[in-house]
N, C-alpha and C. Protein backbone atom coordinates (compact mmCIF):
# COMPACT_ATOMS: atom_id res chain seq x y z
N MET A 1 0.85 -1.18 0.00
CA MET A 1 0.00 0.00 0.00
C MET A 1 0.90 1.23 0.00
N ARG A 2 0.67 2.10 -0.98
CA ARG A 2 1.49 3.31 -1.11
C ARG A 2 0.66 4.54 -0.83
N LYS A 3 1.28 5.50 -0.17
CA LYS A 3 0.61 6.77 0.09
C LYS A 3 0.64 7.61 -1.19
N VAL A 4 -0.54 8.18 -1.54
CA VAL A 4 -0.66 8.95 -2.79
C VAL A 4 -1.44 10.23 -2.57
N GLU A 5 -1.19 11.19 -3.45
CA GLU A 5 -2.03 12.36 -3.56
C GLU A 5 -3.13 12.01 -4.56
N ILE A 6 -4.34 12.46 -4.28
CA ILE A 6 -5.49 12.13 -5.12
C ILE A 6 -6.12 13.42 -5.62
N ASN A 7 -6.37 13.48 -6.91
CA ASN A 7 -7.06 14.61 -7.51
C ASN A 7 -8.31 14.08 -8.20
N ILE A 8 -9.48 14.61 -7.85
CA ILE A 8 -10.75 14.17 -8.43
C ILE A 8 -11.42 15.38 -9.07
N GLU A 9 -11.67 15.28 -10.38
CA GLU A 9 -12.35 16.32 -11.12
C GLU A 9 -13.70 15.75 -11.57
N SER A 10 -14.78 16.43 -11.21
CA SER A 10 -16.13 15.99 -11.57
C SER A 10 -16.82 17.09 -12.37
N VAL A 11 -17.53 16.68 -13.41
CA VAL A 11 -18.31 17.61 -14.22
C VAL A 11 -19.70 17.01 -14.36
N GLN A 12 -20.73 17.78 -13.99
CA GLN A 12 -22.11 17.33 -14.18
C GLN A 12 -22.78 18.24 -15.19
N ASN A 13 -23.30 17.63 -16.25
CA ASN A 13 -24.03 18.35 -17.29
C ASN A 13 -25.50 18.04 -17.14
N SER A 14 -26.30 19.06 -16.85
CA SER A 14 -27.72 18.86 -16.61
C SER A 14 -28.50 20.07 -17.10
N ALA A 15 -29.51 19.82 -17.93
CA ALA A 15 -30.41 20.87 -18.43
C ALA A 15 -29.66 22.08 -18.98
N GLY A 16 -28.60 21.81 -19.73
CA GLY A 16 -27.84 22.89 -20.36
C GLY A 16 -26.88 23.62 -19.45
N GLU A 17 -26.78 23.19 -18.19
CA GLU A 17 -25.85 23.81 -17.23
C GLU A 17 -24.73 22.82 -16.89
N THR A 18 -23.58 23.37 -16.59
CA THR A 18 -22.42 22.56 -16.24
C THR A 18 -21.91 22.96 -14.87
N LEU A 19 -21.74 21.96 -14.00
CA LEU A 19 -21.20 22.17 -12.66
C LEU A 19 -19.88 21.42 -12.56
N LYS A 20 -18.81 22.13 -12.21
CA LYS A 20 -17.48 21.51 -12.08
C LYS A 20 -17.05 21.54 -10.63
N ILE A 21 -16.54 20.41 -10.16
CA ILE A 21 -16.04 20.30 -8.78
C ILE A 21 -14.68 19.62 -8.83
N GLU A 22 -13.73 20.16 -8.06
CA GLU A 22 -12.41 19.55 -7.97
C GLU A 22 -12.07 19.34 -6.50
N GLN A 23 -11.57 18.16 -6.18
CA GLN A 23 -11.17 17.82 -4.81
C GLN A 23 -9.76 17.27 -4.81
N GLN A 24 -9.04 17.54 -3.74
CA GLN A 24 -7.74 16.94 -3.52
C GLN A 24 -7.74 16.27 -2.16
N SER A 25 -7.01 15.18 -2.07
CA SER A 25 -6.91 14.47 -0.80
C SER A 25 -5.63 13.64 -0.82
N HIS A 26 -5.37 12.99 0.29
CA HIS A 26 -4.28 12.01 0.40
C HIS A 26 -4.90 10.69 0.80
N GLY A 27 -4.33 9.63 0.29
CA GLY A 27 -4.86 8.32 0.62
C GLY A 27 -3.87 7.23 0.29
N TYR A 28 -4.39 6.05 0.02
CA TYR A 28 -3.54 4.88 -0.20
C TYR A 28 -3.99 4.14 -1.45
N LEU A 29 -3.01 3.68 -2.23
CA LEU A 29 -3.26 2.94 -3.46
C LEU A 29 -2.54 1.61 -3.37
N THR A 30 -3.24 0.54 -3.76
CA THR A 30 -2.61 -0.77 -3.78
C THR A 30 -3.22 -1.62 -4.88
N PHE A 31 -2.45 -2.59 -5.35
CA PHE A 31 -2.93 -3.56 -6.33
C PHE A 31 -2.88 -4.92 -5.66
N LYS A 32 -4.06 -5.58 -5.60
CA LYS A 32 -4.14 -6.85 -4.90
C LYS A 32 -5.18 -7.72 -5.58
N ALA A 33 -4.85 -8.98 -5.82
CA ALA A 33 -5.78 -9.97 -6.39
C ALA A 33 -6.48 -9.44 -7.65
N SER A 34 -5.72 -8.93 -8.60
CA SER A 34 -6.21 -8.44 -9.89
C SER A 34 -7.09 -7.19 -9.80
N SER A 35 -7.03 -6.47 -8.69
CA SER A 35 -7.83 -5.25 -8.52
C SER A 35 -6.98 -4.11 -7.97
N TRP A 36 -7.34 -2.89 -8.40
CA TRP A 36 -6.75 -1.69 -7.83
C TRP A 36 -7.66 -1.19 -6.71
N TYR A 37 -7.08 -0.80 -5.59
CA TYR A 37 -7.82 -0.24 -4.45
C TYR A 37 -7.28 1.15 -4.16
N LEU A 38 -8.18 2.11 -4.04
CA LEU A 38 -7.82 3.47 -3.67
C LEU A 38 -8.67 3.83 -2.46
N ARG A 39 -8.02 4.27 -1.36
CA ARG A 39 -8.74 4.60 -0.14
C ARG A 39 -8.32 5.99 0.35
N TYR A 40 -9.33 6.75 0.80
CA TYR A 40 -9.05 8.06 1.39
C TYR A 40 -10.25 8.52 2.20
N LYS A 41 -10.04 9.59 2.95
CA LYS A 41 -11.10 10.21 3.73
C LYS A 41 -11.24 11.65 3.24
N ASP A 42 -12.49 12.09 2.99
CA ASP A 42 -12.68 13.45 2.49
C ASP A 42 -12.69 14.46 3.64
N GLN A 43 -12.88 15.74 3.31
CA GLN A 43 -12.83 16.81 4.31
C GLN A 43 -13.94 16.71 5.34
N GLU A 44 -15.03 15.99 5.01
CA GLU A 44 -16.14 15.82 5.95
C GLU A 44 -16.03 14.53 6.76
N GLY A 45 -14.92 13.81 6.58
CA GLY A 45 -14.70 12.59 7.35
C GLY A 45 -15.33 11.34 6.76
N ILE A 46 -15.85 11.42 5.56
CA ILE A 46 -16.43 10.25 4.90
C ILE A 46 -15.30 9.44 4.27
N GLU A 47 -15.30 8.14 4.56
CA GLU A 47 -14.28 7.24 4.03
C GLU A 47 -14.72 6.70 2.68
N TYR A 48 -13.82 6.77 1.71
CA TYR A 48 -14.08 6.27 0.36
C TYR A 48 -13.15 5.12 0.06
N THR A 49 -13.69 4.10 -0.58
CA THR A 49 -12.90 3.00 -1.12
C THR A 49 -13.33 2.79 -2.56
N TYR A 50 -12.37 2.83 -3.47
CA TYR A 50 -12.62 2.54 -4.88
C TYR A 50 -11.94 1.21 -5.19
N LYS A 51 -12.66 0.30 -5.82
CA LYS A 51 -12.09 -0.98 -6.25
C LYS A 51 -12.35 -1.10 -7.74
N TYR A 52 -11.26 -1.17 -8.51
CA TYR A 52 -11.38 -1.27 -9.96
C TYR A 52 -10.84 -2.62 -10.40
N SER A 53 -11.66 -3.39 -11.12
CA SER A 53 -11.20 -4.66 -11.67
C SER A 53 -12.01 -4.99 -12.91
N ALA A 54 -11.34 -5.34 -13.97
CA ALA A 54 -11.95 -5.86 -15.20
C ALA A 54 -13.20 -5.08 -15.63
N ASP A 55 -13.06 -3.80 -15.93
CA ASP A 55 -14.16 -2.96 -16.41
C ASP A 55 -15.31 -2.82 -15.42
N ARG A 56 -14.99 -2.88 -14.15
CA ARG A 56 -15.97 -2.72 -13.08
C ARG A 56 -15.36 -1.82 -12.01
N LEU A 57 -16.12 -0.81 -11.57
CA LEU A 57 -15.67 0.07 -10.50
C LEU A 57 -16.70 0.03 -9.38
N LEU A 58 -16.24 -0.29 -8.19
CA LEU A 58 -17.08 -0.30 -7.01
C LEU A 58 -16.64 0.87 -6.13
N VAL A 59 -17.59 1.71 -5.72
CA VAL A 59 -17.29 2.85 -4.85
C VAL A 59 -18.08 2.67 -3.55
N LEU A 60 -17.35 2.63 -2.44
CA LEU A 60 -17.96 2.52 -1.11
C LEU A 60 -17.75 3.82 -0.37
N ARG A 61 -18.84 4.35 0.22
CA ARG A 61 -18.77 5.55 1.06
C ARG A 61 -19.27 5.16 2.44
N GLN A 62 -18.49 5.53 3.47
CA GLN A 62 -18.88 5.18 4.84
C GLN A 62 -18.62 6.36 5.75
N GLY A 63 -19.58 6.60 6.65
CA GLY A 63 -19.49 7.72 7.59
C GLY A 63 -20.87 8.33 7.70
N ALA A 64 -20.95 9.66 7.58
CA ALA A 64 -22.25 10.33 7.61
C ALA A 64 -23.11 9.89 6.43
N VAL A 65 -22.45 9.40 5.38
CA VAL A 65 -23.11 8.87 4.18
C VAL A 65 -22.77 7.39 4.08
N GLU A 66 -23.77 6.59 3.75
CA GLU A 66 -23.54 5.16 3.50
C GLU A 66 -24.03 4.87 2.08
N HIS A 67 -23.12 4.40 1.24
CA HIS A 67 -23.50 4.15 -0.15
C HIS A 67 -22.54 3.15 -0.78
N ARG A 68 -23.10 2.17 -1.47
CA ARG A 68 -22.33 1.19 -2.24
C ARG A 68 -22.79 1.35 -3.68
N GLN A 69 -21.90 1.85 -4.52
CA GLN A 69 -22.26 2.17 -5.90
C GLN A 69 -21.34 1.40 -6.85
N GLU A 70 -21.94 0.72 -7.81
CA GLU A 70 -21.17 -0.08 -8.75
C GLU A 70 -21.38 0.46 -10.16
N PHE A 71 -20.28 0.53 -10.91
CA PHE A 71 -20.32 0.96 -12.30
C PHE A 71 -19.75 -0.15 -13.16
N ILE A 72 -20.53 -0.58 -14.16
CA ILE A 72 -20.08 -1.58 -15.11
C ILE A 72 -20.37 -1.03 -16.49
N LEU A 73 -19.37 -1.02 -17.34
CA LEU A 73 -19.48 -0.41 -18.67
C LEU A 73 -20.71 -0.94 -19.41
N GLY A 74 -21.59 0.00 -19.85
CA GLY A 74 -22.77 -0.34 -20.63
C GLY A 74 -23.94 -0.87 -19.82
N LYS A 75 -23.81 -0.91 -18.50
CA LYS A 75 -24.85 -1.51 -17.65
C LYS A 75 -25.54 -0.47 -16.77
N GLU A 76 -26.78 -0.80 -16.41
CA GLU A 76 -27.56 -0.01 -15.45
C GLU A 76 -27.39 -0.64 -14.07
N ARG A 77 -27.20 0.19 -13.06
CA ARG A 77 -27.08 -0.29 -11.69
C ARG A 77 -27.93 0.60 -10.79
N ILE A 78 -28.60 -0.03 -9.82
CA ILE A 78 -29.44 0.70 -8.86
C ILE A 78 -28.92 0.44 -7.46
N SER A 79 -28.84 1.51 -6.67
CA SER A 79 -28.36 1.40 -5.29
C SER A 79 -29.16 2.35 -4.41
N SER A 80 -28.91 2.26 -3.10
CA SER A 80 -29.57 3.15 -2.14
C SER A 80 -28.51 4.01 -1.45
N TYR A 81 -28.80 5.29 -1.35
CA TYR A 81 -27.91 6.28 -0.73
C TYR A 81 -28.54 6.70 0.59
N PHE A 82 -27.80 6.53 1.69
CA PHE A 82 -28.29 6.88 3.02
C PHE A 82 -27.49 8.05 3.56
N ASN A 83 -28.22 9.10 4.02
CA ASN A 83 -27.56 10.27 4.59
C ASN A 83 -28.49 10.88 5.64
N THR A 84 -28.14 10.72 6.90
CA THR A 84 -28.89 11.26 8.05
C THR A 84 -30.40 11.28 7.85
N GLY A 85 -30.97 10.10 7.72
CA GLY A 85 -32.41 9.97 7.63
C GLY A 85 -32.98 10.09 6.23
N ILE A 86 -32.17 10.42 5.27
CA ILE A 86 -32.62 10.53 3.88
C ILE A 86 -32.15 9.29 3.12
N ILE A 87 -33.09 8.70 2.39
CA ILE A 87 -32.74 7.55 1.55
C ILE A 87 -33.13 7.89 0.12
N LEU A 88 -32.17 7.77 -0.78
CA LEU A 88 -32.42 8.04 -2.19
C LEU A 88 -32.13 6.79 -3.01
N GLU A 89 -32.96 6.55 -4.01
CA GLU A 89 -32.64 5.50 -4.97
C GLU A 89 -31.75 6.13 -6.03
N VAL A 90 -30.61 5.52 -6.26
CA VAL A 90 -29.64 6.03 -7.23
C VAL A 90 -29.53 5.02 -8.38
N LYS A 91 -29.82 5.49 -9.58
CA LYS A 91 -29.65 4.64 -10.76
C LYS A 91 -28.58 5.26 -11.63
N THR A 92 -27.65 4.43 -12.08
CA THR A 92 -26.62 4.91 -12.99
C THR A 92 -26.56 3.99 -14.20
N ILE A 93 -26.23 4.59 -15.34
CA ILE A 93 -25.94 3.85 -16.56
C ILE A 93 -24.55 4.30 -16.99
N THR A 94 -23.61 3.37 -17.02
CA THR A 94 -22.21 3.71 -17.28
C THR A 94 -21.95 3.77 -18.77
N ASN A 95 -21.55 4.96 -19.25
CA ASN A 95 -21.23 5.18 -20.66
C ASN A 95 -19.77 4.88 -20.96
N LYS A 96 -18.88 5.29 -20.05
CA LYS A 96 -17.44 5.10 -20.25
C LYS A 96 -16.81 4.74 -18.92
N LEU A 97 -15.83 3.84 -18.97
CA LEU A 97 -15.09 3.46 -17.77
C LEU A 97 -13.75 2.94 -18.21
N LYS A 98 -12.68 3.57 -17.73
CA LYS A 98 -11.35 3.20 -18.18
C LYS A 98 -10.33 3.48 -17.10
N LEU A 99 -9.38 2.58 -16.93
CA LEU A 99 -8.26 2.80 -16.02
C LEU A 99 -6.97 2.79 -16.83
N GLU A 100 -6.13 3.78 -16.58
CA GLU A 100 -4.80 3.82 -17.19
C GLU A 100 -3.78 3.75 -16.09
N LYS A 101 -2.78 2.91 -16.29
CA LYS A 101 -1.66 2.84 -15.35
C LYS A 101 -0.56 3.74 -15.88
N LEU A 102 -0.11 4.66 -15.05
CA LEU A 102 0.91 5.63 -15.42
C LEU A 102 2.09 5.46 -14.48
N ASP A 103 3.11 4.71 -14.90
CA ASP A 103 4.23 4.37 -14.04
C ASP A 103 3.70 3.77 -12.74
N ALA A 104 3.86 4.45 -11.61
CA ALA A 104 3.41 3.91 -10.32
C ALA A 104 2.02 4.41 -9.95
N ASP A 105 1.41 5.20 -10.81
CA ASP A 105 0.13 5.81 -10.48
C ASP A 105 -0.97 5.33 -11.43
N ILE A 106 -2.21 5.75 -11.14
CA ILE A 106 -3.34 5.38 -12.00
C ILE A 106 -4.18 6.60 -12.33
N LYS A 107 -4.96 6.44 -13.40
CA LYS A 107 -5.95 7.45 -13.78
C LYS A 107 -7.22 6.66 -14.14
N ILE A 108 -8.35 7.03 -13.51
CA ILE A 108 -9.64 6.40 -13.79
C ILE A 108 -10.55 7.45 -14.41
N TYR A 109 -11.14 7.10 -15.56
CA TYR A 109 -12.10 7.99 -16.21
C TYR A 109 -13.46 7.29 -16.21
N LEU A 110 -14.48 8.00 -15.76
CA LEU A 110 -15.83 7.46 -15.64
C LEU A 110 -16.83 8.47 -16.18
N GLU A 111 -17.76 7.99 -17.00
CA GLU A 111 -18.87 8.83 -17.45
C GLU A 111 -20.15 8.02 -17.29
N TYR A 112 -21.16 8.64 -16.66
CA TYR A 112 -22.40 7.92 -16.42
C TYR A 112 -23.60 8.85 -16.39
N GLN A 113 -24.77 8.26 -16.68
CA GLN A 113 -26.04 8.95 -16.55
C GLN A 113 -26.53 8.74 -15.12
N LEU A 114 -27.02 9.79 -14.48
CA LEU A 114 -27.45 9.72 -13.09
C LEU A 114 -28.94 10.01 -12.96
N TYR A 115 -29.63 9.12 -12.23
CA TYR A 115 -31.05 9.29 -11.90
C TYR A 115 -31.19 9.19 -10.39
N LEU A 116 -31.91 10.13 -9.77
CA LEU A 116 -32.22 10.08 -8.35
C LEU A 116 -33.72 9.92 -8.19
N ASN A 117 -34.11 8.87 -7.49
CA ASN A 117 -35.53 8.54 -7.32
C ASN A 117 -36.28 8.56 -8.66
N GLY A 118 -35.61 8.03 -9.69
CA GLY A 118 -36.23 7.89 -11.01
C GLY A 118 -36.18 9.12 -11.89
N ILE A 119 -35.63 10.24 -11.39
CA ILE A 119 -35.59 11.49 -12.15
C ILE A 119 -34.18 11.72 -12.69
N PHE A 120 -34.07 11.92 -14.00
CA PHE A 120 -32.78 12.14 -14.65
C PHE A 120 -32.14 13.42 -14.11
N GLN A 121 -30.89 13.31 -13.65
CA GLN A 121 -30.16 14.46 -13.11
C GLN A 121 -29.14 15.02 -14.07
N GLY A 122 -28.65 14.17 -14.98
CA GLY A 122 -27.65 14.64 -15.92
C GLY A 122 -26.61 13.57 -16.19
N ILE A 123 -25.61 13.98 -16.94
CA ILE A 123 -24.49 13.10 -17.26
C ILE A 123 -23.28 13.59 -16.48
N ASN A 124 -22.69 12.68 -15.72
CA ASN A 124 -21.53 13.02 -14.90
C ASN A 124 -20.27 12.44 -15.51
N GLN A 125 -19.20 13.22 -15.44
CA GLN A 125 -17.88 12.77 -15.87
C GLN A 125 -16.95 12.93 -14.67
N VAL A 126 -16.18 11.89 -14.39
CA VAL A 126 -15.27 11.92 -13.24
C VAL A 126 -13.89 11.46 -13.70
N LEU A 127 -12.88 12.22 -13.32
CA LEU A 127 -11.49 11.85 -13.58
C LEU A 127 -10.77 11.79 -12.24
N ILE A 128 -10.24 10.63 -11.92
CA ILE A 128 -9.51 10.41 -10.67
C ILE A 128 -8.06 10.13 -11.03
N ARG A 129 -7.15 10.93 -10.46
CA ARG A 129 -5.72 10.73 -10.72
C ARG A 129 -4.97 10.59 -9.41
N THR A 130 -4.02 9.70 -9.40
CA THR A 130 -3.17 9.56 -8.21
C THR A 130 -1.74 9.94 -8.58
N ARG A 131 -1.01 10.39 -7.57
CA ARG A 131 0.40 10.67 -7.72
C ARG A 131 1.09 10.27 -6.44
N GLU A 132 2.12 9.47 -6.56
CA GLU A 132 2.82 8.97 -5.39
C GLU A 132 3.41 10.13 -4.58
N CYS A 133 3.21 10.07 -3.26
CA CYS A 133 3.77 11.10 -2.38
C CYS A 133 5.27 10.88 -2.25
N SER A 134 6.01 11.98 -2.19
CA SER A 134 7.46 11.86 -2.04
C SER A 134 7.87 11.91 -0.59
């Protein structure tokens, strides 16, 4: 397990509007049993685990938010999002999913359609990059 800097760029396109969010964090990256694992804690104390293997990305959120979200290229997935008494049905359809290995680091690109409680929210694009800490 190696300590890494993590940069996450998200773009949501909805109803002709674009929302861009960028986050930085520190966490840990490891390759084990044919899967890449990326773990970190965000500024609100929510723990994230990303597991990437064979065109499948699993994202686990634990803390004030509880959510298990799976992305499989070309597939629809439905999950439940829990946040302090609020439960949302989350449906995603994955348009693009790709991992690139860059020397000791990785880059994950994800694009998906997002529906909350059956209502289309937009198309999200996420780019996750790691860089080994010195």
